[in-house]
N, C-alpha and C. Protein backbone atom coordinates (compact mmCIF):
# COMPACT_ATOMS: atom_id res chain seq x y z
N MET A 1 0.60 -1.47 -0.14
CA MET A 1 -0.18 0.24 0.02
C MET A 1 1.23 1.11 -0.02
N SER A 2 2.37 1.25 0.26
CA SER A 2 3.05 2.55 0.94
C SER A 2 3.06 2.53 -0.41
N GLU A 3 3.22 2.33 -1.70
CA GLU A 3 3.56 2.34 -2.99
C GLU A 3 2.53 2.75 -3.84
N GLU A 4 1.10 2.56 -3.58
CA GLU A 4 0.25 3.40 -4.05
C GLU A 4 0.03 5.38 -4.21
N ALA A 5 0.10 5.02 -2.22
CA ALA A 5 0.44 6.60 -1.60
C ALA A 5 1.17 7.60 -2.78
N PRO A 6 2.76 7.30 -2.73
CA PRO A 6 3.49 8.23 -3.82
C PRO A 6 2.23 8.70 -5.54
N GLN A 7 2.13 7.50 -5.74
CA GLN A 7 1.45 7.53 -7.28
C GLN A 7 0.28 8.40 -6.89
N GLU A 8 0.23 8.32 -6.06
CA GLU A 8 -1.41 9.06 -6.07
C GLU A 8 -0.96 10.64 -6.17
N GLN A 9 0.45 10.56 -5.15
CA GLN A 9 0.52 12.40 -4.86
C GLN A 9 1.07 12.95 -5.93
N GLN A 10 1.82 11.76 -7.34
CA GLN A 10 2.50 12.34 -7.86
C GLN A 10 1.14 12.85 -8.97
N ASP A 11 -0.13 11.82 -9.30
CA ASP A 11 -1.17 12.65 -10.28
C ASP A 11 -1.71 13.53 -9.63
N ASP A 12 -1.74 13.96 -8.55
CA ASP A 12 -2.35 15.13 -8.07
C ASP A 12 -1.43 16.46 -8.11
N ASP A 13 -0.39 16.46 -7.92
CA ASP A 13 0.70 17.44 -8.52
C ASP A 13 1.01 17.76 -10.33
N ASP A 14 0.38 16.47 -10.86
CA ASP A 14 0.34 16.74 -12.13
C ASP A 14 -1.13 17.12 -12.98
N LEU A 15 -1.31 17.53 -12.23
CA LEU A 15 -3.18 17.44 -12.13
C LEU A 15 -3.22 19.30 -12.14
N GLN A 16 -3.53 19.72 -13.09
CA GLN A 16 -3.89 20.47 -13.75
C GLN A 16 -5.58 21.20 -13.37
N TYR A 17 -5.79 21.90 -12.16
CA TYR A 17 -7.31 22.22 -11.73
C TYR A 17 -8.25 23.14 -12.28
N PHE A 18 -7.36 23.98 -13.02
CA PHE A 18 -8.40 24.77 -14.17
C PHE A 18 -7.25 24.98 -15.12
N VAL A 19 -8.41 24.43 -16.18
CA VAL A 19 -7.82 24.89 -17.96
C VAL A 19 -8.57 25.96 -18.47
N ARG A 20 -8.27 26.82 -18.80
CA ARG A 20 -8.55 28.17 -19.48
C ARG A 20 -8.56 27.64 -21.40
N ILE A 21 -10.31 28.13 -21.41
CA ILE A 21 -10.04 28.00 -22.74
C ILE A 21 -11.00 29.65 -22.76
N GLY A 22 -10.58 30.42 -23.80
CA GLY A 22 -10.91 32.09 -24.39
C GLY A 22 -11.10 32.67 -22.98
N GLN A 23 -12.10 33.11 -22.25
CA GLN A 23 -12.30 33.91 -20.95
C GLN A 23 -12.72 32.94 -20.43
N THR A 24 -13.00 31.48 -20.14
CA THR A 24 -13.25 30.58 -19.37
C THR A 24 -12.99 29.81 -18.77
N ASP A 25 -12.57 29.04 -17.11
CA ASP A 25 -12.34 28.61 -16.47
C ASP A 25 -12.93 27.27 -16.74
N LEU A 26 -12.11 26.08 -17.00
CA LEU A 26 -13.29 24.75 -17.03
C LEU A 26 -12.46 23.93 -15.97
N ASP A 27 -13.48 23.01 -14.88
CA ASP A 27 -12.42 22.30 -14.00
C ASP A 27 -12.07 21.41 -14.83
N GLY A 28 -10.74 20.22 -14.28
CA GLY A 28 -9.93 20.06 -14.73
C GLY A 28 -9.89 18.55 -13.84
N THR A 29 -10.58 19.10 -12.49
CA THR A 29 -10.84 17.49 -11.81
C THR A 29 -12.69 16.58 -12.82
N LYS A 30 -12.69 17.16 -13.46
CA LYS A 30 -14.14 16.44 -14.31
C LYS A 30 -13.33 16.12 -15.53
N SER A 31 -14.25 14.92 -16.02
CA SER A 31 -14.37 14.40 -17.49
C SER A 31 -14.07 15.33 -18.18
N VAL A 32 -13.19 15.10 -19.49
CA VAL A 32 -13.23 15.65 -20.71
C VAL A 32 -14.34 16.44 -21.09
N GLU A 33 -15.28 15.76 -21.68
CA GLU A 33 -16.75 15.90 -21.82
C GLU A 33 -17.28 16.28 -20.99
N ARG A 34 -17.25 16.37 -19.60
CA ARG A 34 -18.31 17.02 -18.99
C ARG A 34 -17.65 18.56 -18.45
N SER A 35 -16.37 18.99 -18.55
CA SER A 35 -15.51 20.05 -18.42
C SER A 35 -16.35 20.77 -19.69
N LEU A 36 -16.32 20.40 -20.69
CA LEU A 36 -16.28 21.17 -22.35
C LEU A 36 -17.98 21.19 -21.77
N SER A 37 -18.59 20.47 -22.03
CA SER A 37 -20.07 20.77 -21.82
C SER A 37 -20.02 21.97 -20.60
N GLU A 38 -19.62 22.44 -19.61
CA GLU A 38 -19.85 23.50 -18.42
C GLU A 38 -19.65 24.50 -19.54
N MET A 39 -19.53 24.59 -20.50
CA MET A 39 -18.72 26.36 -20.85
C MET A 39 -19.86 26.60 -21.82
N ASN A 40 -20.47 28.41 -22.23
CA ASN A 40 -21.37 28.61 -22.41
C ASN A 40 -21.51 28.38 -24.19
N GLY A 41 -22.24 27.46 -24.76
CA GLY A 41 -22.17 27.27 -26.48
C GLY A 41 -21.57 25.73 -26.72
N LEU A 42 -21.04 25.38 -25.36
CA LEU A 42 -20.55 23.43 -26.28
C LEU A 42 -21.75 22.75 -25.07
N GLY A 43 -22.42 21.89 -25.84
CA GLY A 43 -23.04 21.15 -25.05
C GLY A 43 -22.39 19.73 -25.14
N ARG A 44 -22.85 18.61 -24.52
CA ARG A 44 -22.66 17.51 -25.12
C ARG A 44 -22.37 16.69 -26.00
N ARG A 45 -23.53 16.99 -26.89
CA ARG A 45 -23.03 16.56 -28.56
C ARG A 45 -21.41 17.18 -29.05
N THR A 46 -21.82 17.95 -28.46
CA THR A 46 -20.40 19.06 -29.28
C THR A 46 -18.94 18.34 -28.77
N ALA A 47 -19.40 18.50 -27.04
CA ALA A 47 -18.15 18.56 -26.49
C ALA A 47 -17.41 16.57 -26.54
N ARG A 48 -18.17 15.70 -27.33
CA ARG A 48 -18.11 14.96 -27.61
C ARG A 48 -17.45 14.44 -29.47
N ILE A 49 -18.13 15.73 -29.73
CA ILE A 49 -17.50 15.49 -30.96
C ILE A 49 -15.54 16.29 -30.97
N ILE A 50 -15.28 16.97 -30.01
CA ILE A 50 -14.24 17.29 -29.96
C ILE A 50 -13.25 16.73 -29.43
N ALA A 51 -13.60 16.12 -28.57
CA ALA A 51 -12.83 14.92 -27.72
C ALA A 51 -12.67 13.84 -28.71
N ASP A 52 -14.02 13.16 -29.97
CA ASP A 52 -13.07 12.24 -31.25
C ASP A 52 -11.74 12.94 -31.35
N GLU A 53 -11.92 14.23 -32.18
CA GLU A 53 -11.29 14.42 -32.75
C GLU A 53 -10.28 15.08 -32.87
N ALA A 54 -10.09 15.16 -31.10
CA ALA A 54 -8.68 15.54 -30.42
C ALA A 54 -7.81 13.63 -29.98
N GLY A 55 -8.89 12.75 -30.51
CA GLY A 55 -8.44 11.59 -30.27
C GLY A 55 -8.06 11.34 -28.53
N VAL A 56 -8.61 12.25 -28.02
CA VAL A 56 -9.08 11.78 -26.05
C VAL A 56 -9.65 10.93 -25.92
N ASP A 57 -10.17 10.42 -25.21
CA ASP A 57 -11.06 9.45 -24.18
C ASP A 57 -11.42 10.41 -23.74
N ARG A 58 -13.09 10.61 -23.65
CA ARG A 58 -14.24 12.14 -23.03
C ARG A 58 -14.50 11.41 -21.64
N THR A 59 -13.41 10.10 -21.42
CA THR A 59 -13.87 9.89 -19.47
C THR A 59 -12.35 9.78 -19.48
N ALA A 60 -11.52 10.30 -19.66
CA ALA A 60 -10.53 10.79 -19.36
C ALA A 60 -10.60 12.31 -18.42
N THR A 61 -9.70 12.56 -17.27
CA THR A 61 -9.43 13.77 -16.48
C THR A 61 -9.05 14.83 -17.35
N PHE A 62 -9.85 15.67 -17.54
CA PHE A 62 -9.11 16.75 -18.40
C PHE A 62 -8.75 17.27 -17.63
N GLY A 63 -7.84 17.28 -16.49
CA GLY A 63 -6.93 18.19 -15.69
C GLY A 63 -5.36 17.65 -15.59
N ALA A 64 -5.73 16.09 -15.89
CA ALA A 64 -4.58 14.47 -15.88
C ALA A 64 -4.19 14.65 -17.37
N LEU A 65 -4.88 15.54 -18.53
CA LEU A 65 -4.24 15.16 -19.95
C LEU A 65 -2.42 15.77 -20.00
N ASP A 66 -2.26 15.23 -20.97
CA ASP A 66 -0.74 15.99 -21.20
C ASP A 66 -0.96 18.16 -22.05
N GLU A 67 0.06 18.43 -21.91
CA GLU A 67 -0.35 19.78 -21.91
C GLU A 67 -0.65 19.78 -23.24
N ASP A 68 0.17 19.29 -24.32
CA ASP A 68 0.01 19.33 -25.98
C ASP A 68 -1.80 18.89 -25.83
N VAL A 69 -1.90 17.38 -25.43
CA VAL A 69 -3.10 17.30 -25.04
C VAL A 69 -3.88 18.36 -25.37
N ILE A 70 -4.04 19.02 -24.16
CA ILE A 70 -4.93 20.41 -23.71
C ILE A 70 -5.59 21.49 -25.08
N ASP A 71 -4.13 21.77 -25.00
CA ASP A 71 -3.37 22.89 -25.83
C ASP A 71 -4.50 22.01 -27.47
N GLU A 72 -4.06 21.10 -28.14
CA GLU A 72 -5.59 20.73 -29.32
C GLU A 72 -6.51 20.91 -29.03
N VAL A 73 -7.02 20.23 -27.62
CA VAL A 73 -8.46 20.52 -27.30
C VAL A 73 -9.01 21.54 -27.19
N VAL A 74 -8.26 23.04 -26.95
CA VAL A 74 -8.31 23.97 -26.26
C VAL A 74 -8.34 24.65 -28.15
N GLU A 75 -7.28 24.27 -29.11
CA GLU A 75 -7.42 25.05 -30.27
C GLU A 75 -8.65 23.86 -31.23
N LEU A 76 -9.30 23.25 -31.15
CA LEU A 76 -10.39 22.81 -32.01
C LEU A 76 -11.96 23.63 -31.43
N VAL A 77 -11.71 23.44 -29.68
CA VAL A 77 -13.26 24.35 -29.43
C VAL A 77 -12.98 25.66 -30.16
N GLU A 78 -11.58 25.92 -30.07
CA GLU A 78 -11.56 27.82 -30.94
C GLU A 78 -12.23 27.65 -32.40
N ASN A 79 -11.94 26.70 -33.14
CA ASN A 79 -11.83 26.39 -34.34
C ASN A 79 -13.04 25.71 -34.69
N TYR A 80 -13.90 25.29 -33.80
CA TYR A 80 -15.07 24.30 -34.15
C TYR A 80 -15.90 24.39 -35.12
N ALA A 81 -16.16 26.01 -35.57
CA ALA A 81 -17.16 25.92 -36.80
C ALA A 81 -16.45 25.86 -38.09
N ALA A 82 -15.30 25.89 -38.07
CA ALA A 82 -14.74 25.39 -39.16
C ALA A 82 -14.54 23.99 -39.31
N GLU A 83 -14.67 23.28 -38.64
CA GLU A 83 -14.22 21.44 -38.97
C GLU A 83 -15.71 20.69 -38.66
N VAL A 84 -17.29 21.99 -38.89
CA VAL A 84 -17.92 21.03 -38.92
C VAL A 84 -19.42 21.45 -39.67
N PRO A 85 -20.15 21.07 -40.20
CA PRO A 85 -20.85 21.40 -41.19
C PRO A 85 -21.92 22.91 -40.69
N ASP A 86 -22.34 23.20 -41.57
CA ASP A 86 -22.51 24.70 -40.83
C ASP A 86 -24.03 24.11 -39.58
N TRP A 87 -25.09 23.12 -40.15
CA TRP A 87 -26.14 22.79 -39.23
C TRP A 87 -25.95 22.53 -38.67
N LEU A 88 -24.82 22.23 -37.13
CA LEU A 88 -24.05 22.11 -36.61
C LEU A 88 -23.84 23.84 -35.59
N ASN A 89 -23.36 24.18 -36.32
CA ASN A 89 -22.78 25.67 -35.55
C ASN A 89 -24.48 25.99 -34.84
N ASN A 90 -23.92 26.84 -33.62
CA ASN A 90 -24.69 27.86 -32.98
C ASN A 90 -25.30 29.18 -33.79
N ARG A 91 -24.98 29.72 -34.83
CA ARG A 91 -24.77 30.90 -34.30
C ARG A 91 -24.98 30.95 -36.62
N GLN A 92 -26.14 30.90 -37.26
CA GLN A 92 -26.11 30.53 -38.96
C GLN A 92 -26.57 31.92 -39.45
N ASN A 93 -26.28 32.05 -40.79
CA ASN A 93 -26.40 33.26 -41.09
C ASN A 93 -26.81 34.88 -39.93
N ASP A 94 -25.14 35.16 -39.76
CA ASP A 94 -25.29 36.50 -38.80
C ASP A 94 -26.23 37.64 -39.62
N PHE A 95 -26.93 37.81 -38.99
CA PHE A 95 -27.68 39.04 -39.49
C PHE A 95 -26.64 40.58 -40.09
N TYR A 96 -25.68 40.91 -39.75
CA TYR A 96 -24.44 41.61 -40.12
C TYR A 96 -24.13 40.82 -40.99
N THR A 97 -22.87 40.28 -40.32
CA THR A 97 -22.51 39.54 -41.76
C THR A 97 -22.59 38.47 -42.70
N GLY A 98 -24.03 37.72 -42.27
CA GLY A 98 -24.02 36.32 -43.31
C GLY A 98 -23.71 35.56 -43.38
N GLU A 99 -22.29 35.40 -42.26
CA GLU A 99 -21.53 34.27 -41.78
C GLU A 99 -21.85 33.04 -40.94
N THR A 100 -21.94 32.46 -40.67
CA THR A 100 -22.07 30.92 -40.12
C THR A 100 -20.74 30.95 -39.17
N THR A 101 -20.83 31.14 -37.68
CA THR A 101 -20.53 30.47 -36.06
C THR A 101 -20.44 30.18 -35.45
N HIS A 102 -19.66 29.72 -34.41
CA HIS A 102 -20.19 28.99 -33.11
C HIS A 102 -19.51 29.78 -32.62
N GLU A 103 -20.62 30.38 -31.69
CA GLU A 103 -20.08 31.32 -30.31
C GLU A 103 -20.20 30.92 -29.05
N ILE A 104 -18.90 30.82 -28.36
CA ILE A 104 -18.83 30.13 -27.20
C ILE A 104 -18.35 31.30 -25.93
N GLY A 105 -18.57 30.88 -25.04
CA GLY A 105 -18.16 31.91 -23.52
C GLY A 105 -18.98 33.08 -23.46
N ASN A 106 -18.09 34.55 -23.63
CA ASN A 106 -19.14 35.63 -22.62
C ASN A 106 -19.15 35.88 -24.35
N ASP A 107 -19.18 35.17 -25.55
CA ASP A 107 -19.63 36.30 -27.04
C ASP A 107 -21.22 35.53 -27.61
N LEU A 108 -21.18 34.49 -26.67
CA LEU A 108 -22.56 33.69 -27.00
C LEU A 108 -23.30 34.61 -26.38
N GLN A 109 -23.11 35.32 -24.88
CA GLN A 109 -24.31 35.78 -24.04
C GLN A 109 -24.17 37.61 -24.87
N LEU A 110 -23.03 37.57 -25.09
CA LEU A 110 -23.50 39.21 -25.83
C LEU A 110 -23.80 39.31 -27.20
N THR A 111 -23.71 38.58 -28.16
CA THR A 111 -24.17 38.05 -29.27
C THR A 111 -26.08 38.11 -29.20
N ARG A 112 -26.41 37.24 -28.37
CA ARG A 112 -27.57 37.12 -27.58
C ARG A 112 -28.55 38.20 -27.55
N GLN A 113 -27.76 38.93 -25.83
CA GLN A 113 -28.05 40.53 -25.88
C GLN A 113 -28.67 41.11 -26.75
N HIS A 114 -27.64 41.46 -27.80
CA HIS A 114 -27.00 42.43 -28.93
C HIS A 114 -28.74 42.46 -30.01
N ASP A 115 -28.50 40.59 -30.03
CA ASP A 115 -30.02 40.62 -30.98
C ASP A 115 -30.94 40.57 -30.34
N ILE A 116 -31.33 40.63 -28.85
CA ILE A 116 -32.88 40.71 -28.07
C ILE A 116 -32.80 42.20 -28.33
N ASN A 117 -31.80 43.56 -28.25
CA ASN A 117 -31.87 44.66 -28.50
C ASN A 117 -32.06 44.80 -29.67
N ARG A 118 -31.42 44.31 -30.98
CA ARG A 118 -31.83 44.74 -32.42
C ARG A 118 -33.37 44.11 -32.12
N MET A 119 -33.91 43.25 -31.87
CA MET A 119 -35.46 43.17 -31.49
C MET A 119 -36.45 43.86 -30.96
N LYS A 120 -35.59 44.82 -29.99
CA LYS A 120 -36.64 45.88 -29.46
C LYS A 120 -36.65 46.94 -30.11
N MET A 121 -35.26 47.14 -30.73
CA MET A 121 -36.00 48.52 -31.22
C MET A 121 -36.00 48.69 -32.38
N ILE A 122 -36.54 46.95 -33.40
CA ILE A 122 -37.15 47.44 -34.09
C ILE A 122 -39.02 46.91 -34.39
N ASP A 123 -38.91 46.90 -33.19
CA ASP A 123 -40.38 46.46 -32.50
C ASP A 123 -41.27 45.74 -33.17
N SER A 124 -40.13 44.63 -33.40
CA SER A 124 -40.72 42.80 -33.89
C SER A 124 -41.90 42.39 -32.80
N TYR A 125 -42.19 41.24 -33.13
CA TYR A 125 -43.34 40.90 -32.23
C TYR A 125 -42.62 40.20 -30.69
N ARG A 126 -41.38 39.57 -31.65
CA ARG A 126 -40.74 38.75 -30.11
C ARG A 126 -39.86 40.30 -29.00
N GLY A 127 -39.47 41.43 -30.07
CA GLY A 127 -38.93 42.50 -29.33
C GLY A 127 -39.91 42.91 -28.18
N VAL A 128 -41.03 43.38 -28.83
CA VAL A 128 -42.40 43.85 -27.73
C VAL A 128 -42.69 42.78 -26.72
N ARG A 129 -42.72 41.30 -26.98
CA ARG A 129 -42.70 40.94 -25.90
C ARG A 129 -41.54 40.82 -24.46
N HIS A 130 -40.25 40.45 -25.44
CA HIS A 130 -39.24 41.07 -24.15
C HIS A 130 -39.27 42.34 -23.40
N LYS A 131 -40.02 43.49 -24.40
CA LYS A 131 -39.59 45.32 -23.68
C LYS A 131 -40.85 44.45 -22.59
N ARG A 132 -41.93 44.08 -23.27
CA ARG A 132 -43.05 43.80 -21.57
C ARG A 132 -42.99 42.42 -20.68
N GLY A 133 -41.75 42.09 -20.78
CA GLY A 133 -41.27 40.64 -19.80
C GLY A 133 -42.03 39.93 -20.00
N GLN A 134 -43.48 39.45 -20.99
CA GLN A 134 -43.78 38.46 -21.19
C GLN A 134 -43.05 37.31 -22.04
N LYS A 135 -43.63 36.38 -22.37
CA LYS A 135 -43.47 34.94 -22.76
C LYS A 135 -43.44 35.06 -24.19
N VAL A 136 -42.41 34.56 -24.86
CA VAL A 136 -41.66 35.21 -26.24
C VAL A 136 -41.66 33.93 -27.39
N ARG A 137 -41.82 32.52 -26.56
CA ARG A 137 -41.84 31.49 -27.70
C ARG A 137 -43.21 30.74 -27.65
N GLY A 138 -44.18 31.57 -27.59
CA GLY A 138 -45.64 31.22 -27.88
C GLY A 138 -46.31 29.79 -27.01
N GLN A 139 -45.98 30.01 -25.76
CA GLN A 139 -45.84 29.62 -24.60
C GLN A 139 -47.09 29.91 -24.06
N ARG A 140 -48.08 29.25 -23.46
CA ARG A 140 -49.29 30.20 -22.70
C ARG A 140 -49.42 30.62 -21.38
N THR A 141 -49.98 31.81 -21.56
CA THR A 141 -49.96 32.96 -20.81
C THR A 141 -51.46 33.15 -20.40
N LYS A 142 -52.02 32.45 -19.99
CA LYS A 142 -53.59 32.22 -19.03
C LYS A 142 -53.32 31.95 -17.59
N SER A 143 -52.42 30.78 -17.58
CA SER A 143 -52.37 30.29 -16.26
C SER A 143 -50.96 30.60 -15.68
N THR A 144 -50.12 30.95 -16.93
CA THR A 144 -49.02 30.58 -15.85
C THR A 144 -47.34 32.00 -16.72
N GLY A 145 -46.29 31.96 -15.82
CA GLY A 145 -45.85 33.30 -16.31
C GLY A 145 -46.57 34.84 -15.46
N ARG A 146 -47.46 34.73 -14.47
CA ARG A 146 -47.72 35.72 -14.09
C ARG A 146 -46.99 35.96 -13.04
N THR A 147 -47.04 37.72 -13.10
CA THR A 147 -45.78 38.28 -12.15
C THR A 147 -46.63 39.70 -11.40
N GLU A 148 -47.68 39.20 -11.12
CA GLU A 148 -48.51 40.12 -10.24
C GLU A 148 -48.60 39.40 -9.14
N GLY A 149 -49.40 39.66 -7.71
CA GLY A 149 -49.48 39.37 -6.78
C GLY A 149 -50.70 38.22 -6.65
N THR A 150 -50.44 37.32 -5.42
CA THR A 150 -51.25 35.98 -5.66
C THR A 150 -53.13 36.28 -6.30
N ILE A 151 -53.09 36.05 -7.00
CA ILE A 151 -54.64 35.29 -7.28
C ILE A 151 -55.47 34.18 -6.65
N GLY A 152 -56.39 33.70 -6.14
CA GLY A 152 -57.45 33.27 -5.44
C GLY A 152 -57.18 33.41 -4.29
N VAL A 153 -57.56 32.14 -3.30
CA VAL A 153 -57.38 32.29 -1.72
C VAL A 153 -55.65 31.58 -1.06
N ASN A 154 -55.50 32.49 0.04
CA ASN A 154 -54.19 32.74 0.47
C ASN A 154 -55.00 32.01 1.75
N VAL A 155 -54.74 31.16 1.39
CA VAL A 155 -55.07 29.73 3.24
C VAL A 155 -54.14 30.58 4.44
N GLU A 156 -53.07 30.73 4.30
CA GLU A 156 -52.21 30.75 5.23
C GLU A 156 -52.15 32.15 5.94
N GLU A 157 -52.84 33.16 5.02
CA GLU A 157 -53.16 34.31 5.57
C GLU A 157 -54.78 34.29 6.66
N ILE A 158 -55.77 33.80 6.07
CA ILE A 158 -56.83 33.67 6.82
C ILE A 158 -56.72 32.98 7.90
N ARG A 159 -55.61 32.09 8.33
CA ARG A 159 -55.51 30.40 9.34
C ARG A 159 -54.82 32.25 10.23
N GLU A 160 -53.93 32.93 9.72
CA GLU A 160 -53.31 33.46 10.95
C GLU A 160 -54.24 34.83 11.66
N GLU A 161 -55.04 34.97 10.48
CA GLU A 161 -56.50 36.06 11.02
C GLU A 161 -57.33 35.37 11.75
N GLN A 162 -57.51 33.93 11.36
CA GLN A 162 -58.57 33.33 12.77
C GLN A 162 -57.45 32.91 14.14
N ALA A 163 -56.00 32.67 14.09
CA ALA A 163 -55.64 32.34 15.17
C ALA A 163 -55.66 34.14 16.33
N GLU A 164 -55.45 35.15 15.67
CA GLU A 164 -55.12 36.64 15.85
C GLU A 164 -56.38 36.32 16.96
N GLU A 165 -57.72 36.43 15.86
CA GLU A 165 -58.94 36.08 16.25
C GLU A 165 -58.94 35.68 17.49
N ALA A 166 -58.51 34.24 17.36
CA ALA A 166 -59.03 33.59 19.13
C ALA A 166 -58.17 33.71 19.81
N ALA A 167 -56.99 34.57 19.65
CA ALA A 167 -56.13 35.10 20.88
C ALA A 167 -57.02 36.37 21.71
N GLU A 168 -57.65 37.22 20.11
CA GLU A 168 -58.39 38.44 21.27
C GLU A 168 -59.05 38.13 22.13
N GLU A 169 -60.13 36.82 21.60
CA GLU A 169 -61.10 36.63 22.39
C GLU A 169 -60.86 35.51 23.98
N GLU A 170 -59.85 34.96 23.49
CA GLU A 170 -58.99 34.80 24.89
C GLU A 170 -58.90 35.54 25.69
N ASP A 171 -57.92 36.36 25.52
CA ASP A 171 -57.60 38.07 26.22
C ASP A 171 -58.78 38.33 26.89
N ASP A 172 -59.92 38.89 26.06
CA ASP A 172 -61.09 38.95 26.51
C ASP A 172 -62.14 38.48 27.90
N GLU A 173 -61.86 37.54 27.73
CA GLU A 173 -62.44 36.44 28.60
C GLU A 173 -61.57 36.26 29.96
């Protein structure tokens, strides 16, 4: 057993706890697929494709990989749009440039917010729904998504009032 302890200690020394891709820190203690899928813009399917392209076991610990293998994975993530068909990218036919790209990390959030602001400015149907804070994608709104106060009977409030009245009656007696 004494031989295994130094091996585990050596593995911990080689483990990279954070792997940086773009502006995002990924958890190096998790598997390659799980770490990549925690990044905005990369799902499980995309993470699996990247791991296969890099020739890495997707269940291997991400931080325990060699430095050159990690660099290859980072390179594949950054150039993902060029490697896959257009239908697999998350930003097809951009409004301004017409290009098909795959946004990841903070870039995805910024472009999504920019698109919502554009819809609000031109007063499209979806933009108006965003302005009002209503559901945008055709969901039902009659019974869900209510933001005002309580509708219907508040049983807890009635019980509290009855308890107060009972306490007042006991004090009067």
